[in-house]
Amino acid sequence: IAALLLASGVDYMGAFSTEQLQALVPFFIELNQYGIAIAGIFWG
């Protein structure tokens, strides 16, 4: 959800440039992948 909000360039984050916001999108996607890895411990 954070990646989606950053990609959409929400108005209340106007203090940051579009490039800065977009740079964080892959970070949150990757963070989601690590979250799945943690959940996978219990799925196992």
PDB file of all heavy atoms in Angstrom:
ATOM      1  N   ILE A   1       0.848  -1.197   0.000  1.00  0.00           N
ATOM      2  CA  ILE A   1       0.000   0.000   0.000  1.00  0.00           C
ATOM      3  C   ILE A   1       0.883   1.246   0.000  1.00  0.00           C
ATOM      4  O   ILE A   1       0.609   2.234  -0.700  1.00  0.00           O
ATOM      5  CB  ILE A   1      -0.943  -0.010   1.216  1.00  0.00           C
ATOM      6  CG1 ILE A   1      -1.964  -1.146   1.067  1.00  0.00           C
ATOM      7  CG2 ILE A   1      -1.649   1.334   1.367  1.00  0.00           C
ATOM      8  CD1 ILE A   1      -2.820  -1.380   2.285  1.00  0.00           C
ATOM      9  N   ALA A   2       1.978   1.209   0.768  1.00  0.00           N
ATOM     10  CA  ALA A   2       2.921   2.331   0.782  1.00  0.00           C
ATOM     11  C   ALA A   2       3.529   2.534  -0.600  1.00  0.00           C
ATOM     12  O   ALA A   2       3.650   3.677  -1.076  1.00  0.00           O
ATOM     13  CB  ALA A   2       4.022   2.084   1.813  1.00  0.00           C
ATOM     14  N   ALA A   3       3.901   1.458  -1.264  1.00  0.00           N
ATOM     15  CA  ALA A   3       4.466   1.558  -2.615  1.00  0.00           C
ATOM     16  C   ALA A   3       3.463   2.184  -3.574  1.00  0.00           C
ATOM     17  O   ALA A   3       3.819   3.016  -4.420  1.00  0.00           O
ATOM     18  CB  ALA A   3       4.887   0.176  -3.106  1.00  0.00           C
ATOM     19  N   LEU A   4       2.197   1.800  -3.428  1.00  0.00           N
ATOM     20  CA  LEU A   4       1.147   2.350  -4.295  1.00  0.00           C
ATOM     21  C   LEU A   4       0.957   3.842  -4.052  1.00  0.00           C
ATOM     22  O   LEU A   4       0.847   4.631  -4.996  1.00  0.00           O
ATOM     23  CB  LEU A   4      -0.156   1.603  -4.038  1.00  0.00           C
ATOM     24  CG  LEU A   4      -1.368   2.021  -4.863  1.00  0.00           C
ATOM     25  CD1 LEU A   4      -1.117   1.799  -6.353  1.00  0.00           C
ATOM     26  CD2 LEU A   4      -2.603   1.247  -4.418  1.00  0.00           C
ATOM     27  N   LEU A   5       0.946   4.245  -2.791  1.00  0.00           N
ATOM     28  CA  LEU A   5       0.777   5.668  -2.463  1.00  0.00           C
ATOM     29  C   LEU A   5       1.958   6.488  -2.986  1.00  0.00           C
ATOM     30  O   LEU A   5       1.779   7.587  -3.522  1.00  0.00           O
ATOM     31  CB  LEU A   5       0.646   5.844  -0.953  1.00  0.00           C
ATOM     32  CG  LEU A   5      -0.652   5.303  -0.318  1.00  0.00           C
ATOM     33  CD1 LEU A   5      -0.580   5.414   1.195  1.00  0.00           C
ATOM     34  CD2 LEU A   5      -1.864   6.044  -0.862  1.00  0.00           C
ATOM     35  N   LEU A   6       3.155   5.953  -2.829  1.00  0.00           N
ATOM     36  CA  LEU A   6       4.340   6.667  -3.310  1.00  0.00           C
ATOM     37  C   LEU A   6       4.338   6.773  -4.833  1.00  0.00           C
ATOM     38  O   LEU A   6       4.696   7.807  -5.397  1.00  0.00           O
ATOM     39  CB  LEU A   6       5.605   5.956  -2.832  1.00  0.00           C
ATOM     40  CG  LEU A   6       5.886   6.043  -1.328  1.00  0.00           C
ATOM     41  CD1 LEU A   6       6.961   5.039  -0.932  1.00  0.00           C
ATOM     42  CD2 LEU A   6       6.316   7.459  -0.942  1.00  0.00           C
ATOM     43  N   ALA A   7       3.933   5.702  -5.492  1.00  0.00           N
ATOM     44  CA  ALA A   7       3.898   5.715  -6.961  1.00  0.00           C
ATOM     45  C   ALA A   7       2.866   6.710  -7.490  1.00  0.00           C
ATOM     46  O   ALA A   7       3.045   7.293  -8.556  1.00  0.00           O
ATOM     47  CB  ALA A   7       3.603   4.316  -7.485  1.00  0.00           C
ATOM     48  N   SER A   8       1.795   6.911  -6.721  1.00  0.00           N
ATOM     49  CA  SER A   8       0.737   7.817  -7.172  1.00  0.00           C
ATOM     50  C   SER A   8       1.066   9.281  -6.899  1.00  0.00           C
ATOM     51  O   SER A   8       0.359  10.176  -7.376  1.00  0.00           O
ATOM     52  CB  SER A   8      -0.587   7.453  -6.489  1.00  0.00           C
ATOM     53  OG  SER A   8      -0.505   7.670  -5.092  1.00  0.00           O
ATOM     54  N   GLY A   9       2.139   9.526  -6.112  1.00  0.00           N
ATOM     55  CA  GLY A   9       2.557  10.892  -5.834  1.00  0.00           C
ATOM     56  C   GLY A   9       1.518  11.675  -5.051  1.00  0.00           C
ATOM     57  O   GLY A   9       1.026  12.707  -5.511  1.00  0.00           O
ATOM     58  N   VAL A  10       1.168  11.181  -3.867  1.00  0.00           N
ATOM     59  CA  VAL A  10       0.116  11.808  -3.057  1.00  0.00           C
ATOM     60  C   VAL A  10       0.462  13.268  -2.719  1.00  0.00           C
ATOM     61  O   VAL A  10       1.608  13.617  -2.480  1.00  0.00           O
ATOM     62  CB  VAL A  10      -0.100  11.001  -1.754  1.00  0.00           C
ATOM     63  CG1 VAL A  10      -0.818   9.707  -2.038  1.00  0.00           C
ATOM     64  CG2 VAL A  10       1.227  10.711  -1.056  1.00  0.00           C
ATOM     65  N   ASP A  11      -0.575  14.104  -2.684  1.00  0.00           N
ATOM     66  CA  ASP A  11      -0.393  15.549  -2.516  1.00  0.00           C
ATOM     67  C   ASP A  11       0.268  15.928  -1.198  1.00  0.00           C
ATOM     68  O   ASP A  11       1.052  16.869  -1.135  1.00  0.00           O
ATOM     69  CB  ASP A  11      -1.749  16.260  -2.628  1.00  0.00           C
ATOM     70  CG  ASP A  11      -2.344  16.143  -4.018  1.00  0.00           C
ATOM     71  OD1 ASP A  11      -1.567  15.913  -4.961  1.00  0.00           O
ATOM     72  OD2 ASP A  11      -3.581  16.262  -4.145  1.00  0.00           O
ATOM     73  N   TYR A  12      -0.068  15.210  -0.108  1.00  0.00           N
ATOM     74  CA  TYR A  12       0.452  15.608   1.193  1.00  0.00           C
ATOM     75  C   TYR A  12       1.932  15.280   1.379  1.00  0.00           C
ATOM     76  O   TYR A  12       2.495  15.536   2.425  1.00  0.00           O
ATOM     77  CB  TYR A  12      -0.364  14.968   2.329  1.00  0.00           C
ATOM     78  CG  TYR A  12      -0.559  13.468   2.216  1.00  0.00           C
ATOM     79  CD1 TYR A  12       0.439  12.574   2.592  1.00  0.00           C
ATOM     80  CD2 TYR A  12      -1.756  12.959   1.739  1.00  0.00           C
ATOM     81  CE1 TYR A  12       0.246  11.215   2.495  1.00  0.00           C
ATOM     82  CE2 TYR A  12      -1.964  11.597   1.643  1.00  0.00           C
ATOM     83  CZ  TYR A  12      -0.952  10.725   2.028  1.00  0.00           C
ATOM     84  OH  TYR A  12      -1.146   9.377   1.925  1.00  0.00           O
ATOM     85  N   MET A  13       2.571  14.697   0.347  1.00  0.00           N
ATOM     86  CA  MET A  13       4.014  14.471   0.392  1.00  0.00           C
ATOM     87  C   MET A  13       4.713  15.391  -0.595  1.00  0.00           C
ATOM     88  O   MET A  13       5.743  15.067  -1.167  1.00  0.00           O
ATOM     89  CB  MET A  13       4.340  12.998   0.111  1.00  0.00           C
ATOM     90  CG  MET A  13       3.768  12.053   1.163  1.00  0.00           C
ATOM     91  SD  MET A  13       4.371  10.356   1.032  1.00  0.00           S
ATOM     92  CE  MET A  13       6.044  10.529   1.624  1.00  0.00           C
ATOM     93  N   GLY A  14       4.131  16.581  -0.777  1.00  0.00           N
ATOM     94  CA  GLY A  14       4.669  17.537  -1.736  1.00  0.00           C
ATOM     95  C   GLY A  14       6.048  18.058  -1.382  1.00  0.00           C
ATOM     96  O   GLY A  14       6.722  18.647  -2.222  1.00  0.00           O
ATOM     97  N   ALA A  15       6.477  17.858  -0.128  1.00  0.00           N
ATOM     98  CA  ALA A  15       7.812  18.301   0.266  1.00  0.00           C
ATOM     99  C   ALA A  15       8.901  17.486  -0.415  1.00  0.00           C
ATOM    100  O   ALA A  15      10.067  17.898  -0.448  1.00  0.00           O
ATOM    101  CB  ALA A  15       7.968  18.209   1.789  1.00  0.00           C
ATOM    102  N   PHE A  16       8.520  16.325  -0.973  1.00  0.00           N
ATOM    103  CA  PHE A  16       9.483  15.456  -1.649  1.00  0.00           C
ATOM    104  C   PHE A  16       9.266  15.543  -3.156  1.00  0.00           C
ATOM    105  O   PHE A  16       8.130  15.673  -3.624  1.00  0.00           O
ATOM    106  CB  PHE A  16       9.325  14.010  -1.186  1.00  0.00           C
ATOM    107  CG  PHE A  16       9.525  13.818   0.296  1.00  0.00           C
ATOM    108  CD1 PHE A  16       8.441  13.860   1.159  1.00  0.00           C
ATOM    109  CD2 PHE A  16      10.784  13.608   0.820  1.00  0.00           C
ATOM    110  CE1 PHE A  16       8.605  13.686   2.521  1.00  0.00           C
ATOM    111  CE2 PHE A  16      10.967  13.434   2.176  1.00  0.00           C
ATOM    112  CZ  PHE A  16       9.880  13.481   3.036  1.00  0.00           C
ATOM    113  N   SER A  17      10.334  15.425  -3.898  1.00  0.00           N
ATOM    114  CA  SER A  17      10.223  15.447  -5.359  1.00  0.00           C
ATOM    115  C   SER A  17       9.652  14.119  -5.853  1.00  0.00           C
ATOM    116  O   SER A  17       9.682  13.106  -5.146  1.00  0.00           O
ATOM    117  CB  SER A  17      11.599  15.678  -5.988  1.00  0.00           C
ATOM    118  OG  SER A  17      12.437  14.549  -5.773  1.00  0.00           O
ATOM    119  N   THR A  18       9.153  14.131  -7.084  1.00  0.00           N
ATOM    120  CA  THR A  18       8.620  12.905  -7.683  1.00  0.00           C
ATOM    121  C   THR A  18       9.678  11.825  -7.733  1.00  0.00           C
ATOM    122  O   THR A  18       9.408  10.649  -7.452  1.00  0.00           O
ATOM    123  CB  THR A  18       8.104  13.192  -9.106  1.00  0.00           C
ATOM    124  OG1 THR A  18       7.080  14.183  -9.045  1.00  0.00           O
ATOM    125  CG2 THR A  18       7.567  11.931  -9.756  1.00  0.00           C
ATOM    126  N   GLU A  19      10.919  12.239  -8.047  1.00  0.00           N
ATOM    127  CA  GLU A  19      12.015  11.270  -8.135  1.00  0.00           C
ATOM    128  C   GLU A  19      12.292  10.632  -6.775  1.00  0.00           C
ATOM    129  O   GLU A  19      12.566   9.426  -6.684  1.00  0.00           O
ATOM    130  CB  GLU A  19      13.285  11.936  -8.668  1.00  0.00           C
ATOM    131  CG  GLU A  19      13.231  12.368 -10.135  1.00  0.00           C
ATOM    132  CD  GLU A  19      12.384  13.629 -10.341  1.00  0.00           C
ATOM    133  OE1 GLU A  19      12.102  14.329  -9.342  1.00  0.00           O
ATOM    134  OE2 GLU A  19      12.003  13.896 -11.497  1.00  0.00           O
ATOM    135  N   GLN A  20      12.233  11.418  -5.715  1.00  0.00           N
ATOM    136  CA  GLN A  20      12.471  10.888  -4.378  1.00  0.00           C
ATOM    137  C   GLN A  20      11.385   9.884  -3.973  1.00  0.00           C
ATOM    138  O   GLN A  20      11.678   8.845  -3.387  1.00  0.00           O
ATOM    139  CB  GLN A  20      12.542  12.034  -3.367  1.00  0.00           C
ATOM    140  CG  GLN A  20      13.807  12.874  -3.477  1.00  0.00           C
ATOM    141  CD  GLN A  20      13.765  14.089  -2.568  1.00  0.00           C
ATOM    142  OE1 GLN A  20      12.716  14.732  -2.417  1.00  0.00           O
ATOM    143  NE2 GLN A  20      14.898  14.416  -1.960  1.00  0.00           N
ATOM    144  N   LEU A  21      10.137  10.229  -4.296  1.00  0.00           N
ATOM    145  CA  LEU A  21       9.037   9.324  -3.973  1.00  0.00           C
ATOM    146  C   LEU A  21       9.148   8.015  -4.755  1.00  0.00           C
ATOM    147  O   LEU A  21       8.981   6.924  -4.204  1.00  0.00           O
ATOM    148  CB  LEU A  21       7.700   9.994  -4.259  1.00  0.00           C
ATOM    149  CG  LEU A  21       7.347  11.213  -3.404  1.00  0.00           C
ATOM    150  CD1 LEU A  21       6.023  11.813  -3.869  1.00  0.00           C
ATOM    151  CD2 LEU A  21       7.263  10.841  -1.933  1.00  0.00           C
ATOM    152  N   GLN A  22       9.457   8.136  -6.039  1.00  0.00           N
ATOM    153  CA  GLN A  22       9.564   6.940  -6.881  1.00  0.00           C
ATOM    154  C   GLN A  22      10.724   6.047  -6.458  1.00  0.00           C
ATOM    155  O   GLN A  22      10.650   4.827  -6.587  1.00  0.00           O
ATOM    156  CB  GLN A  22       9.712   7.343  -8.346  1.00  0.00           C
ATOM    157  CG  GLN A  22       8.446   7.943  -8.943  1.00  0.00           C
ATOM    158  CD  GLN A  22       8.624   8.389 -10.372  1.00  0.00           C
ATOM    159  OE1 GLN A  22       9.749   8.614 -10.837  1.00  0.00           O
ATOM    160  NE2 GLN A  22       7.516   8.542 -11.095  1.00  0.00           N
ATOM    161  N   ALA A  23      11.775   6.660  -5.916  1.00  0.00           N
ATOM    162  CA  ALA A  23      12.930   5.879  -5.483  1.00  0.00           C
ATOM    163  C   ALA A  23      12.591   4.964  -4.313  1.00  0.00           C
ATOM    164  O   ALA A  23      13.261   3.941  -4.095  1.00  0.00           O
ATOM    165  CB  ALA A  23      14.076   6.812  -5.091  1.00  0.00           C
ATOM    166  N   LEU A  24      11.547   5.317  -3.564  1.00  0.00           N
ATOM    167  CA  LEU A  24      11.161   4.508  -2.412  1.00  0.00           C
ATOM    168  C   LEU A  24      10.237   3.350  -2.792  1.00  0.00           C
ATOM    169  O   LEU A  24      10.048   2.430  -1.996  1.00  0.00           O
ATOM    170  CB  LEU A  24      10.465   5.386  -1.369  1.00  0.00           C
ATOM    171  CG  LEU A  24      11.351   6.367  -0.605  1.00  0.00           C
ATOM    172  CD1 LEU A  24      10.501   7.306   0.233  1.00  0.00           C
ATOM    173  CD2 LEU A  24      12.336   5.607   0.280  1.00  0.00           C
ATOM    174  N   VAL A  25       9.657   3.389  -3.983  1.00  0.00           N
ATOM    175  CA  VAL A  25       8.713   2.345  -4.389  1.00  0.00           C
ATOM    176  C   VAL A  25       9.347   0.955  -4.394  1.00  0.00           C
ATOM    177  O   VAL A  25       8.815   0.025  -3.761  1.00  0.00           O
ATOM    178  CB  VAL A  25       8.081   2.679  -5.756  1.00  0.00           C
ATOM    179  CG1 VAL A  25       7.252   1.495  -6.266  1.00  0.00           C
ATOM    180  CG2 VAL A  25       7.212   3.922  -5.652  1.00  0.00           C
ATOM    181  N   PRO A  26      10.488   0.745  -5.062  1.00  0.00           N
ATOM    182  CA  PRO A  26      11.097  -0.595  -5.038  1.00  0.00           C
ATOM    183  C   PRO A  26      11.497  -1.029  -3.628  1.00  0.00           C
ATOM    184  O   PRO A  26      11.486  -2.220  -3.316  1.00  0.00           O
ATOM    185  CB  PRO A  26      12.330  -0.443  -5.938  1.00  0.00           C
ATOM    186  CG  PRO A  26      12.051   0.756  -6.776  1.00  0.00           C
ATOM    187  CD  PRO A  26      11.249   1.667  -5.922  1.00  0.00           C
ATOM    188  N   PHE A  27      11.848  -0.066  -2.775  1.00  0.00           N
ATOM    189  CA  PHE A  27      12.213  -0.391  -1.392  1.00  0.00           C
ATOM    190  C   PHE A  27      11.053  -1.060  -0.672  1.00  0.00           C
ATOM    191  O   PHE A  27      11.217  -2.096  -0.007  1.00  0.00           O
ATOM    192  CB  PHE A  27      12.638   0.871  -0.651  1.00  0.00           C
ATOM    193  CG  PHE A  27      12.749   0.700   0.838  1.00  0.00           C
ATOM    194  CD1 PHE A  27      13.833   0.031   1.396  1.00  0.00           C
ATOM    195  CD2 PHE A  27      11.761   1.183   1.692  1.00  0.00           C
ATOM    196  CE1 PHE A  27      13.936  -0.151   2.766  1.00  0.00           C
ATOM    197  CE2 PHE A  27      11.852   1.013   3.061  1.00  0.00           C
ATOM    198  CZ  PHE A  27      12.941   0.345   3.600  1.00  0.00           C
ATOM    199  N   PHE A  28       9.854  -0.497  -0.792  1.00  0.00           N
ATOM    200  CA  PHE A  28       8.701  -1.067  -0.095  1.00  0.00           C
ATOM    201  C   PHE A  28       8.250  -2.391  -0.726  1.00  0.00           C
ATOM    202  O   PHE A  28       7.775  -3.282  -0.021  1.00  0.00           O
ATOM    203  CB  PHE A  28       7.552  -0.062  -0.050  1.00  0.00           C
ATOM    204  CG  PHE A  28       7.717   0.972   1.019  1.00  0.00           C
ATOM    205  CD1 PHE A  28       8.171   2.252   0.707  1.00  0.00           C
ATOM    206  CD2 PHE A  28       7.459   0.665   2.343  1.00  0.00           C
ATOM    207  CE1 PHE A  28       8.337   3.211   1.703  1.00  0.00           C
ATOM    208  CE2 PHE A  28       7.627   1.616   3.341  1.00  0.00           C
ATOM    209  CZ  PHE A  28       8.072   2.889   3.026  1.00  0.00           C
ATOM    210  N   ILE A  29       8.429  -2.516  -2.037  1.00  0.00           N
ATOM    211  CA  ILE A  29       8.127  -3.800  -2.685  1.00  0.00           C
ATOM    212  C   ILE A  29       9.076  -4.875  -2.165  1.00  0.00           C
ATOM    213  O   ILE A  29       8.665  -6.002  -1.845  1.00  0.00           O
ATOM    214  CB  ILE A  29       8.244  -3.681  -4.221  1.00  0.00           C
ATOM    215  CG1 ILE A  29       7.152  -2.752  -4.773  1.00  0.00           C
ATOM    216  CG2 ILE A  29       8.140  -5.057  -4.870  1.00  0.00           C
ATOM    217  CD1 ILE A  29       5.742  -3.283  -4.624  1.00  0.00           C
ATOM    218  N   GLU A  30      10.360  -4.523  -2.067  1.00  0.00           N
ATOM    219  CA  GLU A  30      11.351  -5.483  -1.552  1.00  0.00           C
ATOM    220  C   GLU A  30      11.081  -5.801  -0.087  1.00  0.00           C
ATOM    221  O   GLU A  30      11.231  -6.939   0.361  1.00  0.00           O
ATOM    222  CB  GLU A  30      12.769  -4.911  -1.722  1.00  0.00           C
ATOM    223  CG  GLU A  30      13.881  -5.871  -1.341  1.00  0.00           C
ATOM    224  CD  GLU A  30      13.995  -7.062  -2.282  1.00  0.00           C
ATOM    225  OE1 GLU A  30      13.379  -7.040  -3.366  1.00  0.00           O
ATOM    226  OE2 GLU A  30      14.705  -8.018  -1.925  1.00  0.00           O
ATOM    227  N   LEU A  31      10.670  -4.793   0.677  1.00  0.00           N
ATOM    228  CA  LEU A  31      10.334  -5.008   2.081  1.00  0.00           C
ATOM    229  C   LEU A  31       9.153  -5.982   2.192  1.00  0.00           C
ATOM    230  O   LEU A  31       9.125  -6.828   3.095  1.00  0.00           O
ATOM    231  CB  LEU A  31       9.975  -3.669   2.733  1.00  0.00           C
ATOM    232  CG  LEU A  31      10.140  -3.565   4.252  1.00  0.00           C
ATOM    233  CD1 LEU A  31      11.573  -3.833   4.667  1.00  0.00           C
ATOM    234  CD2 LEU A  31       9.707  -2.184   4.730  1.00  0.00           C
ATOM    235  N   ASN A  32       8.211  -5.872   1.278  1.00  0.00           N
ATOM    236  CA  ASN A  32       7.091  -6.811   1.251  1.00  0.00           C
ATOM    237  C   ASN A  32       7.566  -8.239   1.009  1.00  0.00           C
ATOM    238  O   ASN A  32       7.064  -9.195   1.617  1.00  0.00           O
ATOM    239  CB  ASN A  32       6.098  -6.385   0.172  1.00  0.00           C
ATOM    240  CG  ASN A  32       4.915  -7.327   0.065  1.00  0.00           C
ATOM    241  OD1 ASN A  32       4.900  -8.209  -0.793  1.00  0.00           O
ATOM    242  ND2 ASN A  32       3.936  -7.165   0.929  1.00  0.00           N
ATOM    243  N   GLN A  33       8.563  -8.384   0.138  1.00  0.00           N
ATOM    244  CA  GLN A  33       9.110  -9.714  -0.149  1.00  0.00           C
ATOM    245  C   GLN A  33       9.735 -10.325   1.104  1.00  0.00           C
ATOM    246  O   GLN A  33       9.586 -11.515   1.378  1.00  0.00           O
ATOM    247  CB  GLN A  33      10.152  -9.618  -1.273  1.00  0.00           C
ATOM    248  CG  GLN A  33       9.604  -9.211  -2.622  1.00  0.00           C
ATOM    249  CD  GLN A  33       8.926 -10.372  -3.341  1.00  0.00           C
ATOM    250  OE1 GLN A  33       8.994 -11.509  -2.892  1.00  0.00           O
ATOM    251  NE2 GLN A  33       8.265 -10.082  -4.446  1.00  0.00           N
ATOM    252  N   TYR A  34      10.444  -9.502   1.870  1.00  0.00           N
ATOM    253  CA  TYR A  34      11.035 -10.001   3.117  1.00  0.00           C
ATOM    254  C   TYR A  34       9.947 -10.330   4.132  1.00  0.00           C
ATOM    255  O   TYR A  34      10.086 -11.278   4.924  1.00  0.00           O
ATOM    256  CB  TYR A  34      12.021  -8.982   3.686  1.00  0.00           C
ATOM    257  CG  TYR A  34      13.382  -9.051   3.044  1.00  0.00           C
ATOM    258  CD1 TYR A  34      13.775  -8.130   2.078  1.00  0.00           C
ATOM    259  CD2 TYR A  34      14.282 -10.059   3.381  1.00  0.00           C
ATOM    260  CE1 TYR A  34      15.016  -8.204   1.472  1.00  0.00           C
ATOM    261  CE2 TYR A  34      15.526 -10.155   2.784  1.00  0.00           C
ATOM    262  CZ  TYR A  34      15.893  -9.211   1.828  1.00  0.00           C
ATOM    263  OH  TYR A  34      17.124  -9.308   1.232  1.00  0.00           O
ATOM    264  N   GLY A  35       8.869  -9.557   4.128  1.00  0.00           N
ATOM    265  CA  GLY A  35       7.747  -9.862   5.003  1.00  0.00           C
ATOM    266  C   GLY A  35       7.131 -11.210   4.671  1.00  0.00           C
ATOM    267  O   GLY A  35       6.750 -11.978   5.571  1.00  0.00           O
ATOM    268  N   ILE A  36       7.045 -11.512   3.389  1.00  0.00           N
ATOM    269  CA  ILE A  36       6.530 -12.813   2.961  1.00  0.00           C
ATOM    270  C   ILE A  36       7.459 -13.924   3.430  1.00  0.00           C
ATOM    271  O   ILE A  36       7.006 -15.005   3.845  1.00  0.00           O
ATOM    272  CB  ILE A  36       6.353 -12.845   1.433  1.00  0.00           C
ATOM    273  CG1 ILE A  36       5.181 -11.951   1.024  1.00  0.00           C
ATOM    274  CG2 ILE A  36       6.118 -14.268   0.931  1.00  0.00           C
ATOM    275  CD1 ILE A  36       5.010 -11.798  -0.460  1.00  0.00           C
ATOM    276  N   ALA A  37       8.771 -13.666   3.389  1.00  0.00           N
ATOM    277  CA  ALA A  37       9.733 -14.662   3.871  1.00  0.00           C
ATOM    278  C   ALA A  37       9.519 -14.951   5.354  1.00  0.00           C
ATOM    279  O   ALA A  37       9.586 -16.097   5.799  1.00  0.00           O
ATOM    280  CB  ALA A  37      11.156 -14.177   3.615  1.00  0.00           C
ATOM    281  N   ILE A  38       9.245 -13.908   6.136  1.00  0.00           N
ATOM    282  CA  ILE A  38       8.991 -14.096   7.565  1.00  0.00           C
ATOM    283  C   ILE A  38       7.689 -14.870   7.769  1.00  0.00           C
ATOM    284  O   ILE A  38       7.618 -15.810   8.565  1.00  0.00           O
ATOM    285  CB  ILE A  38       8.944 -12.736   8.284  1.00  0.00           C
ATOM    286  CG1 ILE A  38      10.326 -12.075   8.242  1.00  0.00           C
ATOM    287  CG2 ILE A  38       8.467 -12.897   9.730  1.00  0.00           C
ATOM    288  CD1 ILE A  38      10.340 -10.635   8.714  1.00  0.00           C
ATOM    289  N   ALA A  39       6.646 -14.493   7.029  1.00  0.00           N
ATOM    290  CA  ALA A  39       5.378 -15.217   7.117  1.00  0.00           C
ATOM    291  C   ALA A  39       5.549 -16.668   6.689  1.00  0.00           C
ATOM    292  O   ALA A  39       4.915 -17.577   7.247  1.00  0.00           O
ATOM    293  CB  ALA A  39       4.321 -14.538   6.254  1.00  0.00           C
ATOM    294  N   GLY A  40       6.437 -16.887   5.710  1.00  0.00           N
ATOM    295  CA  GLY A  40       6.673 -18.237   5.211  1.00  0.00           C
ATOM    296  C   GLY A  40       7.179 -19.193   6.270  1.00  0.00           C
ATOM    297  O   GLY A  40       6.974 -20.408   6.174  1.00  0.00           O
ATOM    298  N   ILE A  41       7.843 -18.664   7.297  1.00  0.00           N
ATOM    299  CA  ILE A  41       8.303 -19.517   8.399  1.00  0.00           C
ATOM    300  C   ILE A  41       7.101 -20.196   9.048  1.00  0.00           C
ATOM    301  O   ILE A  41       7.101 -21.408   9.290  1.00  0.00           O
ATOM    302  CB  ILE A  41       9.082 -18.680   9.432  1.00  0.00           C
ATOM    303  CG1 ILE A  41      10.373 -18.134   8.799  1.00  0.00           C
ATOM    304  CG2 ILE A  41       9.400 -19.515  10.679  1.00  0.00           C
ATOM    305  CD1 ILE A  41      11.091 -17.118   9.678  1.00  0.00           C
ATOM    306  N   PHE A  42       6.058 -19.435   9.293  1.00  0.00           N
ATOM    307  CA  PHE A  42       4.871 -19.988   9.946  1.00  0.00           C
ATOM    308  C   PHE A  42       4.000 -20.767   8.975  1.00  0.00           C
ATOM    309  O   PHE A  42       3.330 -21.730   9.366  1.00  0.00           O
ATOM    310  CB  PHE A  42       4.072 -18.867  10.621  1.00  0.00           C
ATOM    311  CG  PHE A  42       4.808 -18.230  11.759  1.00  0.00           C
ATOM    312  CD1 PHE A  42       5.534 -17.058  11.565  1.00  0.00           C
ATOM    313  CD2 PHE A  42       4.803 -18.797  13.014  1.00  0.00           C
ATOM    314  CE1 PHE A  42       6.219 -16.470  12.610  1.00  0.00           C
ATOM    315  CE2 PHE A  42       5.484 -18.223  14.067  1.00  0.00           C
ATOM    316  CZ  PHE A  42       6.197 -17.049  13.872  1.00  0.00           C
ATOM    317  N   TRP A  43       3.995 -20.359   7.689  1.00  0.00           N
ATOM    318  CA  TRP A  43       3.286 -21.161   6.694  1.00  0.00           C
ATOM    319  C   TRP A  43       3.902 -22.545   6.603  1.00  0.00           C
ATOM    320  O   TRP A  43       3.209 -23.513   6.274  1.00  0.00           O
ATOM    321  CB  TRP A  43       3.332 -20.477   5.329  1.00  0.00           C
ATOM    322  CG  TRP A  43       2.406 -19.303   5.209  1.00  0.00           C
ATOM    323  CD1 TRP A  43       1.208 -19.124   5.855  1.00  0.00           C
ATOM    324  CD2 TRP A  43       2.592 -18.136   4.403  1.00  0.00           C
ATOM    325  NE1 TRP A  43       0.645 -17.930   5.506  1.00  0.00           N
ATOM    326  CE2 TRP A  43       1.460 -17.291   4.613  1.00  0.00           C
ATOM    327  CE3 TRP A  43       3.593 -17.724   3.534  1.00  0.00           C
ATOM    328  CZ2 TRP A  43       1.318 -16.069   3.978  1.00  0.00           C
ATOM    329  CZ3 TRP A  43       3.450 -16.492   2.888  1.00  0.00           C
ATOM    330  CH2 TRP A  43       2.326 -15.681   3.107  1.00  0.00           C
ATOM    331  N   GLY A  44       5.192 -22.634   6.856  1.00  0.00           N
ATOM    332  CA  GLY A  44       5.834 -23.937   6.893  1.00  0.00           C
ATOM    333  C   GLY A  44       5.560 -24.675   8.192  1.00  0.00           C
ATOM    334  O   GLY A  44       5.198 -25.853   8.197  1.00  0.00           O
TER     335      GLY A  44
END
